[in-house]
Protein backbone atom coordinates (compact mmCIF):
# COMPACT_ATOMS: atom_id res chain seq x y z
CA MET A 1 0.37 -27.20 -21.69
CA SER A 2 -2.66 -25.16 -20.60
CA LYS A 3 -3.27 -24.66 -16.91
CA ILE A 4 -5.84 -26.86 -15.19
CA PRO A 5 -8.62 -24.75 -13.63
CA ALA A 6 -9.32 -25.17 -9.91
CA THR A 7 -12.38 -24.00 -8.01
CA VAL A 8 -12.06 -23.23 -4.29
CA VAL A 9 -15.29 -23.78 -2.32
CA THR A 10 -15.41 -22.05 1.07
CA GLY A 11 -18.07 -21.68 3.74
CA PHE A 12 -18.74 -22.71 7.30
CA LEU A 13 -19.41 -26.28 8.40
CA GLY A 14 -23.03 -27.12 7.53
CA ALA A 15 -23.53 -24.35 4.95
CA GLY A 16 -23.99 -26.92 2.19
CA LYS A 17 -20.59 -27.15 0.48
CA THR A 18 -20.67 -30.94 0.15
CA THR A 19 -24.25 -30.94 -1.16
CA LEU A 20 -23.32 -28.32 -3.74
CA ILE A 21 -20.26 -30.32 -4.87
CA ARG A 22 -22.29 -33.53 -5.08
CA HIS A 23 -24.82 -31.81 -7.34
CA LEU A 24 -21.96 -30.44 -9.43
CA LEU A 25 -20.46 -33.92 -9.92
CA GLN A 26 -23.77 -35.48 -10.84
CA ASN A 27 -24.30 -32.86 -13.53
CA ALA A 28 -20.74 -32.38 -14.81
CA GLY A 29 -21.56 -33.54 -18.35
CA GLY A 30 -18.55 -35.84 -18.70
CA LYS A 31 -15.99 -33.35 -17.36
CA ARG A 32 -13.44 -35.27 -15.26
CA ILE A 33 -13.19 -33.63 -11.85
CA ALA A 34 -10.70 -34.29 -9.04
CA LEU A 35 -11.66 -33.38 -5.48
CA ILE A 36 -9.51 -32.23 -2.58
CA ILE A 37 -11.58 -32.33 0.61
CA ASN A 38 -10.46 -30.55 3.78
CA GLU A 39 -13.78 -30.30 5.63
CA PHE A 40 -13.09 -32.53 8.62
CA GLY A 41 -15.85 -31.53 11.03
CA ASP A 42 -17.32 -34.99 10.46
CA LEU A 43 -14.14 -36.83 9.58
CA GLY A 44 -14.51 -39.08 6.58
CA VAL A 45 -18.18 -38.29 6.02
CA ASP A 46 -17.71 -35.86 3.14
CA GLY A 47 -15.37 -38.22 1.34
CA GLU A 48 -17.76 -41.15 1.64
CA VAL A 49 -20.66 -38.98 0.45
CA LEU A 50 -18.75 -37.82 -2.61
CA LYS A 51 -16.72 -40.87 -3.65
CA GLY A 52 -18.13 -42.33 -6.82
CA CYS A 53 -21.15 -40.01 -6.90
CA GLY A 54 -19.98 -38.75 -10.26
CA GLU A 55 -18.89 -42.23 -11.43
CA GLU A 56 -17.11 -41.46 -14.71
CA THR A 57 -16.65 -37.78 -13.89
CA CYS A 58 -15.12 -38.34 -10.44
CA ARG A 59 -13.80 -41.78 -9.61
CA GLU A 60 -12.91 -42.86 -6.09
CA GLU A 61 -9.19 -42.40 -6.77
CA ASP A 62 -9.89 -38.79 -7.77
CA VAL A 63 -11.08 -37.91 -4.25
CA VAL A 64 -8.30 -36.87 -1.87
CA GLU A 65 -9.01 -36.07 1.79
CA LEU A 66 -6.70 -33.76 3.77
CA ALA A 67 -7.49 -34.46 7.40
CA ASN A 68 -4.33 -33.18 9.10
CA GLY A 69 -5.80 -29.76 9.86
CA CYS A 70 -7.09 -26.55 8.31
CA ILE A 71 -5.84 -26.38 4.71
CA CYS A 72 -4.56 -22.80 4.99
CA CYS A 73 -2.37 -23.85 7.94
CA THR A 74 -0.90 -26.94 6.23
CA VAL A 75 -0.23 -25.57 2.73
CA ALA A 76 3.40 -26.67 2.50
CA ASP A 77 2.95 -30.04 4.22
CA ASP A 78 -0.32 -31.22 2.69
CA PHE A 79 -1.84 -29.05 -0.03
CA ILE A 80 1.16 -28.45 -2.31
CA PRO A 81 2.27 -32.14 -2.35
CA THR A 82 -1.31 -33.26 -2.98
CA MET A 83 -1.76 -30.79 -5.81
CA THR A 84 1.60 -31.78 -7.32
CA ALA A 85 0.62 -35.45 -7.25
CA LEU A 86 -2.65 -34.71 -9.03
CA LEU A 87 -0.88 -32.70 -11.72
CA GLU A 88 1.69 -35.42 -12.33
CA ARG A 89 -0.85 -38.17 -13.01
CA GLU A 90 -0.73 -39.71 -16.45
CA ILE A 91 -4.40 -38.81 -17.00
CA ARG A 92 -4.86 -35.35 -15.55
CA PRO A 93 -8.26 -34.04 -14.40
CA ASP A 94 -10.18 -31.50 -16.47
CA HIS A 95 -10.98 -29.51 -13.35
CA ILE A 96 -10.02 -29.59 -9.65
CA VAL A 97 -12.51 -28.70 -6.90
CA ILE A 98 -11.21 -27.93 -3.41
CA GLU A 99 -13.61 -28.04 -0.46
CA THR A 100 -11.94 -26.12 2.35
CA SER A 101 -12.41 -26.47 6.07
CA GLY A 102 -15.03 -24.09 7.42
CA LEU A 103 -12.25 -22.45 9.43
CA ALA A 104 -9.91 -21.94 6.48
CA LEU A 105 -8.77 -18.44 5.53
CA PRO A 106 -9.30 -18.31 1.75
CA GLN A 107 -6.66 -15.74 0.84
CA PRO A 108 -3.60 -17.83 1.93
CA LEU A 109 -4.92 -20.79 -0.05
CA VAL A 110 -5.37 -18.69 -3.18
CA LYS A 111 -1.85 -17.29 -2.71
CA ALA A 112 -0.52 -20.86 -2.57
CA PHE A 113 -1.31 -21.24 -6.27
CA ASN A 114 1.71 -19.00 -6.91
CA TRP A 115 4.08 -21.61 -5.43
CA PRO A 116 6.77 -22.51 -7.99
CA ASP A 117 5.82 -26.21 -8.01
CA ILE A 118 2.32 -25.57 -9.34
CA ARG A 119 1.91 -22.02 -10.65
CA THR A 120 2.62 -22.90 -14.28
CA ARG A 121 0.24 -25.87 -14.28
CA VAL A 122 -2.90 -24.84 -12.39
CA THR A 123 -4.93 -21.66 -11.87
CA VAL A 124 -7.78 -20.61 -9.57
CA ASP A 125 -10.77 -20.57 -11.90
CA GLY A 126 -12.82 -18.97 -9.15
CA VAL A 127 -13.63 -18.87 -5.43
CA VAL A 128 -17.15 -19.92 -4.44
CA THR A 129 -18.40 -19.08 -0.95
CA VAL A 130 -21.46 -20.98 0.30
CA VAL A 131 -23.57 -19.20 2.93
CA ASP A 132 -26.23 -20.76 5.17
CA GLY A 133 -29.00 -18.31 4.33
CA ALA A 134 -31.34 -19.58 7.04
CA ALA A 135 -28.68 -19.12 9.73
CA VAL A 136 -27.72 -15.61 8.58
CA ALA A 137 -31.40 -14.59 8.56
CA GLU A 138 -31.49 -15.57 12.25
CA GLY A 139 -28.34 -13.60 13.08
CA ARG A 140 -25.95 -16.56 13.12
CA PHE A 141 -23.00 -17.65 10.96
CA ALA A 142 -23.97 -21.31 10.79
CA HIS A 143 -26.80 -23.63 11.79
CA ASP A 144 -24.62 -25.16 14.53
CA GLU A 145 -22.04 -22.68 15.78
CA ALA A 146 -21.13 -25.07 18.61
CA ALA A 147 -19.92 -27.51 15.93
CA LEU A 148 -17.59 -24.80 14.63
CA ASP A 149 -16.16 -24.36 18.12
CA ARG A 150 -15.64 -28.14 18.39
CA GLN A 151 -13.95 -28.08 14.99
CA ARG A 152 -11.67 -25.28 16.17
CA LEU A 153 -10.70 -27.20 19.31
CA SER A 154 -10.11 -30.48 17.45
CA ASP A 155 -7.65 -28.97 14.95
CA GLU A 156 -4.22 -29.19 16.58
CA MET A 157 -2.62 -27.63 13.49
CA LEU A 158 -4.79 -24.50 13.49
CA ASP A 159 -2.40 -21.57 13.78
CA HIS A 160 -4.93 -18.72 13.69
CA GLU A 161 -7.67 -17.84 16.17
CA THR A 162 -9.70 -15.75 13.75
CA PRO A 163 -13.12 -14.82 15.18
CA LEU A 164 -15.99 -16.19 13.11
CA SER A 165 -17.13 -12.66 12.29
CA GLU A 166 -13.78 -11.85 10.65
CA LEU A 167 -13.51 -15.26 8.98
CA PHE A 168 -17.00 -14.84 7.52
CA GLU A 169 -15.99 -11.44 6.20
CA ASP A 170 -12.82 -12.89 4.64
CA GLN A 171 -14.75 -15.72 2.96
CA LEU A 172 -17.19 -13.25 1.43
CA GLY A 173 -14.48 -10.76 0.49
CA CYS A 174 -12.45 -13.36 -1.41
CA ALA A 175 -15.42 -14.80 -3.31
CA ASP A 176 -16.06 -14.58 -7.04
CA ILE A 177 -19.48 -16.18 -6.54
CA VAL A 178 -21.55 -16.21 -3.35
CA VAL A 179 -24.15 -18.98 -3.09
CA ILE A 180 -26.91 -18.25 -0.58
CA ASN A 181 -28.02 -21.78 0.23
CA LYS A 182 -31.14 -23.02 2.05
CA THR A 183 -33.31 -20.27 0.57
CA ASP A 184 -36.25 -22.69 0.82
CA LEU A 185 -36.08 -22.18 4.60
CA LEU A 186 -36.32 -18.39 4.41
CA GLY A 187 -39.65 -16.86 5.32
CA GLU A 188 -41.17 -13.71 3.87
CA GLY A 189 -38.55 -11.00 3.60
CA GLY A 190 -35.82 -13.45 4.64
CA LEU A 191 -33.79 -13.22 1.45
CA GLU A 192 -33.83 -9.42 1.53
CA LYS A 193 -32.62 -9.54 5.14
CA VAL A 194 -29.76 -11.88 4.23
CA MET A 195 -28.72 -9.71 1.28
CA ALA A 196 -28.68 -6.65 3.53
CA GLU A 197 -26.39 -8.49 5.98
CA LEU A 198 -23.97 -9.61 3.27
CA ARG A 199 -23.76 -6.74 0.80
CA HIS A 200 -21.12 -4.73 2.67
CA ASP A 201 -18.64 -7.63 2.61
CA ILE A 202 -19.14 -8.73 -1.01
CA ARG A 203 -16.91 -7.10 -3.61
CA PRO A 204 -18.54 -5.07 -6.41
CA GLY A 205 -19.44 -7.20 -9.42
CA VAL A 206 -19.49 -10.52 -7.54
CA GLN A 207 -22.45 -12.68 -8.56
CA VAL A 208 -24.85 -13.81 -5.83
CA ILE A 209 -26.77 -17.03 -6.55
CA ARG A 210 -29.78 -18.33 -4.63
CA SER A 211 -29.88 -22.05 -3.97
CA SER A 212 -31.88 -24.76 -2.25
CA HIS A 213 -30.16 -28.05 -1.39
CA GLY A 214 -26.97 -26.89 -3.15
CA ALA A 215 -28.56 -27.14 -6.60
CA VAL A 216 -26.48 -24.81 -8.77
CA ALA A 217 -25.80 -25.52 -12.44
CA PRO A 218 -22.11 -26.43 -13.06
CA ALA A 219 -22.02 -23.88 -15.88
CA ALA A 220 -22.54 -21.16 -13.27
CA LEU A 221 -19.62 -22.34 -11.10
CA LEU A 222 -17.00 -23.73 -13.48
CA GLY A 223 -15.15 -22.12 -16.37
CA LEU A 224 -15.03 -18.62 -14.90
CA GLY A 225 -11.40 -18.17 -15.96
CA ILE A 226 -10.69 -15.57 -13.29
CA GLY A 227 -7.14 -16.47 -12.24
CA ALA A 228 -7.71 -15.38 -8.65
CA GLU A 229 -4.07 -15.99 -7.68
CA ASP A 230 -3.18 -12.94 -9.81
CA ASP A 231 -5.89 -10.83 -8.19
CA ILE A 232 -4.92 -11.03 -4.51
CA ALA A 233 -4.73 -7.24 -4.09
CA ASN A 234 -8.45 -6.99 -4.81
CA ARG A 235 -9.29 -9.58 -2.13
CA PRO A 236 -8.12 -7.91 1.11
CA THR A 237 -8.63 -9.66 4.42
CA HIS A 238 -10.52 -8.14 7.32
CA HIS A 239 -7.28 -6.95 8.91
CA GLU A 240 -6.04 -5.43 5.65
CA ARG A 241 -9.31 -3.53 5.22
CA GLU A 242 -9.29 -2.48 8.87
CA GLY A 243 -5.72 -1.21 8.51
CA ALA A 244 -6.68 0.86 5.48
CA GLU A 245 -9.66 2.31 7.33
CA ASP A 246 -7.50 3.19 10.32
CA HIS A 247 -5.01 4.88 8.01
CA ASP A 248 -7.61 6.87 6.10
CA HIS A 249 -9.85 7.86 9.00
CA ASP A 250 -9.04 8.85 12.52
CA GLU A 251 -12.52 9.96 13.60
CA PHE A 252 -13.23 6.90 15.71
CA ASP A 253 -13.83 6.61 19.41
CA SER A 254 -14.10 3.76 21.88
CA PHE A 255 -15.06 3.07 25.46
CA ALA A 256 -15.37 0.06 27.77
CA VAL A 257 -18.40 -1.18 29.68
CA GLU A 258 -17.91 -3.25 32.83
CA LEU A 259 -20.70 -5.66 33.78
CA PRO A 260 -21.11 -8.56 36.25
CA GLU A 261 -21.25 -12.15 35.01
CA ILE A 262 -24.11 -13.16 32.73
CA GLY A 263 -26.51 -16.09 32.91
CA ASP A 264 -27.58 -16.85 29.32
CA PRO A 265 -24.77 -16.27 26.75
CA LYS A 266 -26.99 -16.97 23.71
CA ALA A 267 -29.65 -14.46 24.79
CA PHE A 268 -26.91 -11.98 25.70
CA ALA A 269 -25.34 -12.22 22.21
CA MET A 270 -28.67 -11.81 20.41
CA GLN A 271 -29.58 -8.73 22.43
CA VAL A 272 -26.11 -7.19 22.05
CA ALA A 273 -26.58 -7.56 18.26
CA GLN A 274 -29.76 -5.49 18.55
CA VAL A 275 -27.85 -2.75 20.39
CA ILE A 276 -25.17 -2.78 17.69
CA ARG A 277 -27.80 -2.33 14.96
CA ALA A 278 -29.66 0.38 16.87
CA HIS A 279 -26.52 2.50 17.36
CA ASP A 280 -24.59 1.56 14.18
CA ILE A 281 -21.60 0.31 16.22
CA LEU A 282 -18.62 -0.67 14.07
CA ARG A 283 -16.89 -3.15 16.38
CA LEU A 284 -17.49 -4.68 19.78
CA LYS A 285 -15.09 -7.00 21.53
CA GLY A 286 -14.31 -8.27 24.98
CA PHE A 287 -15.06 -11.15 27.31
CA ALA A 288 -17.74 -12.27 29.71
CA SER A 289 -18.07 -14.43 32.77
CA VAL A 290 -20.94 -16.92 32.51
CA ALA A 291 -22.54 -18.11 35.74
CA GLY A 292 -21.62 -21.71 36.49
CA LYS A 293 -19.00 -21.94 33.74
CA PRO A 294 -15.27 -22.28 34.53
CA MET A 295 -14.22 -20.89 31.11
CA ARG A 296 -14.02 -17.27 29.95
CA LEU A 297 -16.37 -16.35 27.09
CA VAL A 298 -14.77 -14.24 24.32
CA VAL A 299 -17.17 -11.91 22.48
CA GLN A 300 -16.26 -10.44 19.07
CA ALA A 301 -18.53 -8.50 16.71
CA VAL A 302 -18.06 -6.83 13.33
CA GLY A 303 -21.26 -4.94 12.74
CA PRO A 304 -24.21 -6.99 14.02
CA ARG A 305 -22.54 -10.37 13.42
CA ILE A 306 -21.35 -11.75 16.75
CA ASP A 307 -18.91 -14.57 17.44
CA SER A 308 -18.57 -15.95 20.95
CA TYR A 309 -16.53 -18.89 22.23
CA PHE A 310 -14.88 -20.08 25.43
CA ASP A 311 -11.12 -19.55 25.18
CA ARG A 312 -9.57 -20.48 28.55
CA PRO A 313 -10.37 -21.18 32.22
CA TRP A 314 -10.54 -18.27 34.63
CA ARG A 315 -7.27 -18.10 36.53
CA ALA A 316 -7.08 -18.54 40.28
CA GLY A 317 -7.67 -15.17 41.93
CA GLU A 318 -8.68 -13.52 38.65
CA PRO A 319 -11.77 -11.32 39.17
CA ARG A 320 -14.69 -12.70 37.14
CA GLY A 321 -16.82 -10.23 35.23
CA THR A 322 -17.77 -8.93 31.82
CA ARG A 323 -15.86 -6.23 29.93
CA LEU A 324 -16.89 -5.04 26.49
CA VAL A 325 -15.05 -2.48 24.34
CA VAL A 326 -17.29 -0.53 21.96
CA ILE A 327 -15.80 1.10 18.83
CA GLY A 328 -17.70 3.55 16.64
CA GLU A 329 -17.49 6.84 14.81
CA THR A 330 -16.75 9.90 16.90
CA GLY A 331 -19.93 11.48 18.16
CA PHE A 332 -21.83 8.31 19.01
CA ASP A 333 -24.13 8.48 22.05
CA ARG A 334 -21.98 6.74 24.63
CA ALA A 335 -24.51 7.14 27.45
CA ALA A 336 -27.34 5.62 25.40
CA ILE A 337 -25.19 2.69 24.25
CA GLU A 338 -24.00 1.96 27.78
CA ALA A 339 -27.54 2.16 29.11
CA ASP A 340 -28.77 -0.27 26.44
CA LEU A 341 -25.94 -2.71 27.16
CA ARG A 342 -26.78 -2.64 30.88
CA ARG A 343 -30.41 -3.39 30.02
CA VAL A 344 -29.18 -6.32 27.92
CA TYR A 345 -27.26 -7.58 30.95
CA ASP A 346 -30.34 -7.29 33.17
CA ARG A 347 -32.31 -9.46 30.72
CA ALA A 348 -29.55 -12.09 30.37
CA ALA A 349 -28.46 -12.19 34.02
């Protein structure tokens, strides 16, 4: 029997994954589609939005919600049994669409299609990553990054603390198609700015599609026939790419900047991103003390994309302050970078 194709849809909470899938179902042309939904930021909402929206193409019993945690962290307990049950139905679907949690690492999920129970019966037709174009144009990963932090905290099964910057890079690097959604909200030059932000993380030959309200023709998303589970080596994670870079190049330097506590973390992050762009800094990481907040703020940046979240309370007797480690190519102007970061602190204090 031929393998059933499966499409993996990734992207952060609020990027438009559900809207894109709904449009796909409503225009599937009679193709019977089964859905596996793992986006649990608004528990139960996605399932209710999608159930029956395709009527004959996707009946209510064809929609399966996995709400026990991030799909890449519960592969053996949830995903494989669910997939096996779908494949053993008397009437099998023509296509399976999997909407991942916004925090899911795509590569482990794609690897799971090589599990003995399913590898002879299903294949990854393609990986589609949905990007919130309006958010990226404004220097953010998602419209509501606080919702991503709440999602992270609510998932008791989450076994990775991947910074959003690295997760975003992994979602783009694993994609066969990148959908830049919400292009109707981009002003003049906005699309060009988004493309400039994304191009370094998208693999050569990957198609980039512009979209408003998730309206992408099913023919552009389904039937790619890629077999991504056999192409893992060409979809390296951030850490795999970073390891290769460290092995191939040793002309990097780093230094730390110590600052007092800050007052406005959002303004601080936006201005640090400007310093990163101005000096072509490769990585920036560290933590900050925010005035009036009992929790420590973690700051992580890959290029100009910054992720910040509160990770733990400050310990009793622990000196509060801000410490940032800057990593760049040897020869960068350390004095100028440090001076600019101190000016950023003065503005955000």
